[in-house]
N, C-alpha and C. Protein backbone atom coordinates (compact mmCIF):
# COMPACT_ATOMS: atom_id res chain seq x y z
N MET A 1 93.07 123.06 132.31
CA MET A 1 93.81 123.66 133.39
C MET A 1 95.04 122.81 133.68
N ALA A 2 96.10 123.46 134.06
CA ALA A 2 97.35 122.79 134.40
C ALA A 2 97.25 122.18 135.79
N TYR A 3 98.28 121.44 136.17
CA TYR A 3 98.38 120.86 137.51
C TYR A 3 98.11 121.93 138.55
N THR A 4 97.31 121.60 139.53
CA THR A 4 96.95 122.56 140.56
C THR A 4 97.39 122.07 141.93
N PRO A 5 98.49 122.63 142.46
CA PRO A 5 98.93 122.21 143.79
C PRO A 5 98.01 122.75 144.87
N GLU A 6 97.92 122.03 145.96
CA GLU A 6 97.13 122.51 147.09
C GLU A 6 97.90 123.60 147.81
N LEU A 7 97.17 124.57 148.33
CA LEU A 7 97.79 125.63 149.11
C LEU A 7 97.80 125.25 150.58
N SER A 8 98.83 125.68 151.28
CA SER A 8 98.84 125.50 152.73
C SER A 8 97.76 126.42 153.31
N LEU A 9 97.41 126.20 154.55
CA LEU A 9 96.41 127.04 155.21
C LEU A 9 96.87 128.49 155.22
N GLU A 10 98.14 128.71 155.54
CA GLU A 10 98.67 130.07 155.59
C GLU A 10 98.63 130.74 154.21
N SER A 11 99.03 130.02 153.16
CA SER A 11 99.00 130.59 151.82
C SER A 11 97.58 130.87 151.37
N SER A 12 96.66 129.98 151.71
CA SER A 12 95.25 130.17 151.36
C SER A 12 94.70 131.42 152.05
N GLN A 13 95.03 131.59 153.31
CA GLN A 13 94.56 132.76 154.05
C GLN A 13 95.16 134.05 153.47
N THR A 14 96.42 133.99 153.08
CA THR A 14 97.06 135.16 152.48
C THR A 14 96.40 135.51 151.16
N LEU A 15 96.18 134.50 150.33
CA LEU A 15 95.52 134.73 149.05
C LEU A 15 94.11 135.29 149.25
N ARG A 16 93.40 134.77 150.24
CA ARG A 16 92.05 135.27 150.52
C ARG A 16 92.10 136.76 150.86
N ARG A 17 93.05 137.15 151.68
CA ARG A 17 93.15 138.57 152.08
C ARG A 17 93.54 139.46 150.90
N ILE A 18 94.46 138.97 150.07
CA ILE A 18 94.83 139.74 148.86
C ILE A 18 93.59 139.91 147.98
N SER A 19 92.84 138.85 147.81
CA SER A 19 91.65 138.89 146.96
C SER A 19 90.60 139.82 147.53
N TRP A 20 90.42 139.78 148.85
CA TRP A 20 89.48 140.72 149.47
C TRP A 20 89.91 142.16 149.20
N ALA A 21 91.21 142.43 149.35
CA ALA A 21 91.72 143.78 149.14
C ALA A 21 91.49 144.24 147.70
N LEU A 22 91.59 143.29 146.76
CA LEU A 22 91.38 143.62 145.35
C LEU A 22 89.91 143.61 144.95
N GLY A 23 89.08 143.05 145.83
CA GLY A 23 87.65 142.97 145.53
C GLY A 23 87.33 141.94 144.46
N VAL A 24 88.12 140.87 144.43
CA VAL A 24 87.93 139.83 143.42
C VAL A 24 87.90 138.45 144.09
N PRO A 25 87.38 137.44 143.40
CA PRO A 25 87.44 136.09 143.95
C PRO A 25 88.89 135.58 143.98
N MET A 26 89.14 134.56 144.77
CA MET A 26 90.49 134.03 144.92
C MET A 26 91.07 133.55 143.59
N THR A 27 90.23 133.04 142.71
CA THR A 27 90.73 132.58 141.40
C THR A 27 91.32 133.74 140.61
N GLU A 28 90.76 134.92 140.74
CA GLU A 28 91.31 136.10 140.07
C GLU A 28 92.48 136.69 140.86
N GLY A 29 92.41 136.58 142.18
CA GLY A 29 93.48 137.09 143.04
C GLY A 29 94.80 136.39 142.77
N ILE A 30 94.74 135.09 142.59
CA ILE A 30 95.97 134.35 142.33
C ILE A 30 96.54 134.71 140.96
N GLU A 31 95.69 135.01 140.00
CA GLU A 31 96.17 135.47 138.69
C GLU A 31 96.91 136.80 138.84
N PHE A 32 96.38 137.69 139.66
CA PHE A 32 97.04 138.97 139.92
C PHE A 32 98.42 138.74 140.52
N VAL A 33 98.50 137.83 141.49
CA VAL A 33 99.78 137.53 142.14
C VAL A 33 100.79 137.05 141.11
N PHE A 34 100.36 136.13 140.23
CA PHE A 34 101.29 135.60 139.24
C PHE A 34 101.64 136.61 138.16
N GLU A 35 100.78 137.56 137.88
CA GLU A 35 101.11 138.62 136.93
C GLU A 35 102.12 139.60 137.55
N TYR A 36 102.03 139.77 138.87
CA TYR A 36 102.89 140.72 139.57
C TYR A 36 104.29 140.16 139.85
N LEU A 37 104.41 138.87 140.09
CA LEU A 37 105.68 138.27 140.47
C LEU A 37 106.84 138.57 139.51
N PRO A 38 106.65 138.52 138.20
CA PRO A 38 107.78 138.83 137.31
C PRO A 38 108.32 140.26 137.47
N LYS A 39 107.54 141.13 138.08
CA LYS A 39 107.99 142.51 138.28
C LYS A 39 108.92 142.62 139.49
N ILE A 40 108.88 141.64 140.39
CA ILE A 40 109.65 141.76 141.62
C ILE A 40 110.69 140.65 141.82
N ILE A 41 110.64 139.60 141.00
CA ILE A 41 111.60 138.50 141.11
C ILE A 41 112.62 138.61 140.00
N ASP A 42 113.86 138.33 140.30
CA ASP A 42 114.96 138.40 139.34
C ASP A 42 114.72 137.40 138.21
N SER A 43 114.39 137.91 137.03
CA SER A 43 114.07 137.04 135.90
C SER A 43 115.28 136.24 135.44
N GLU A 44 116.47 136.78 135.61
CA GLU A 44 117.67 136.03 135.21
C GLU A 44 117.80 134.74 136.02
N LYS A 45 117.51 134.82 137.32
CA LYS A 45 117.57 133.62 138.16
C LYS A 45 116.52 132.61 137.74
N VAL A 46 115.33 133.11 137.42
CA VAL A 46 114.26 132.21 136.98
C VAL A 46 114.66 131.53 135.68
N CYS A 47 115.17 132.29 134.75
CA CYS A 47 115.57 131.73 133.45
C CYS A 47 116.71 130.72 133.61
N GLN A 48 117.66 131.01 134.49
CA GLN A 48 118.76 130.09 134.72
C GLN A 48 118.27 128.77 135.28
N GLY A 49 117.26 128.81 136.12
CA GLY A 49 116.75 127.59 136.75
C GLY A 49 115.65 126.91 135.96
N CYS A 50 115.26 127.50 134.84
CA CYS A 50 114.15 126.96 134.05
C CYS A 50 114.50 125.58 133.49
N ARG A 51 113.52 124.70 133.51
CA ARG A 51 113.71 123.35 132.99
C ARG A 51 112.92 123.10 131.71
N ASN A 52 112.29 124.15 131.18
CA ASN A 52 111.54 124.00 129.94
C ASN A 52 111.78 125.23 129.07
N LYS A 53 112.81 125.20 128.29
CA LYS A 53 113.19 126.33 127.44
C LYS A 53 112.33 126.44 126.18
N THR A 54 111.33 125.59 126.03
CA THR A 54 110.47 125.64 124.83
C THR A 54 109.32 126.62 124.99
N LYS A 55 109.14 127.18 126.16
CA LYS A 55 108.00 128.07 126.43
C LYS A 55 108.41 129.51 126.71
N CYS A 56 109.63 129.89 126.34
CA CYS A 56 110.15 131.23 126.66
C CYS A 56 109.28 132.35 126.09
N SER A 57 108.76 132.18 124.90
CA SER A 57 108.01 133.27 124.27
C SER A 57 106.74 133.63 125.04
N GLY A 58 106.20 132.71 125.81
CA GLY A 58 104.99 132.99 126.57
C GLY A 58 105.24 133.19 128.06
N CYS A 59 106.51 133.20 128.46
CA CYS A 59 106.86 133.28 129.88
C CYS A 59 106.86 134.72 130.37
N GLY A 60 106.27 134.94 131.53
CA GLY A 60 106.23 136.27 132.13
C GLY A 60 107.59 136.78 132.56
N PHE A 61 108.56 135.88 132.70
CA PHE A 61 109.90 136.27 133.11
C PHE A 61 110.81 136.56 131.92
N ASN A 62 110.31 136.41 130.72
CA ASN A 62 111.10 136.66 129.51
C ASN A 62 111.24 138.16 129.34
N SER A 63 112.44 138.69 129.57
CA SER A 63 112.64 140.14 129.52
C SER A 63 112.42 140.71 128.13
N VAL A 64 112.67 139.93 127.09
CA VAL A 64 112.41 140.40 125.72
C VAL A 64 110.92 140.63 125.55
N LYS A 65 110.10 139.69 126.04
CA LYS A 65 108.65 139.83 125.97
C LYS A 65 108.19 141.04 126.78
N GLN A 66 108.75 141.21 127.99
CA GLN A 66 108.36 142.33 128.84
C GLN A 66 108.71 143.66 128.17
N ASN A 67 109.89 143.73 127.56
CA ASN A 67 110.29 144.97 126.88
C ASN A 67 109.35 145.28 125.73
N GLN A 68 108.93 144.28 124.99
CA GLN A 68 108.01 144.48 123.87
C GLN A 68 106.66 144.99 124.37
N GLU A 69 106.16 144.39 125.47
CA GLU A 69 104.86 144.82 126.02
C GLU A 69 104.93 146.25 126.51
N GLU A 70 106.04 146.62 127.18
CA GLU A 70 106.19 148.00 127.65
C GLU A 70 106.23 148.97 126.47
N LYS A 71 106.91 148.58 125.41
CA LYS A 71 107.00 149.43 124.21
C LYS A 71 105.61 149.62 123.60
N GLU A 72 104.82 148.55 123.55
CA GLU A 72 103.46 148.64 123.00
C GLU A 72 102.57 149.53 123.86
N GLU A 73 102.75 149.51 125.19
CA GLU A 73 101.96 150.35 126.08
C GLU A 73 102.24 151.81 125.83
N ILE A 74 103.50 152.14 125.55
CA ILE A 74 103.90 153.52 125.33
C ILE A 74 103.31 154.06 124.02
N GLU A 75 103.28 153.21 123.01
CA GLU A 75 102.82 153.64 121.69
C GLU A 75 101.34 153.78 121.65
């Protein structure tokens, strides 16, 4: 597992409520949140601020990767 930052009380409570709504444990709820974020955050800004350009192929903000996944879903 990668570095795990502590959540503030407010963030923990928010994650708990999201997880309850999804009917999953918090460990799965946070995965859902991180899967959803690339759909609503400007990927260009994320890519511009990225400090590790060696992981682009596996990044959720990589629009080339997202386009490929969408194409595979259609087929």
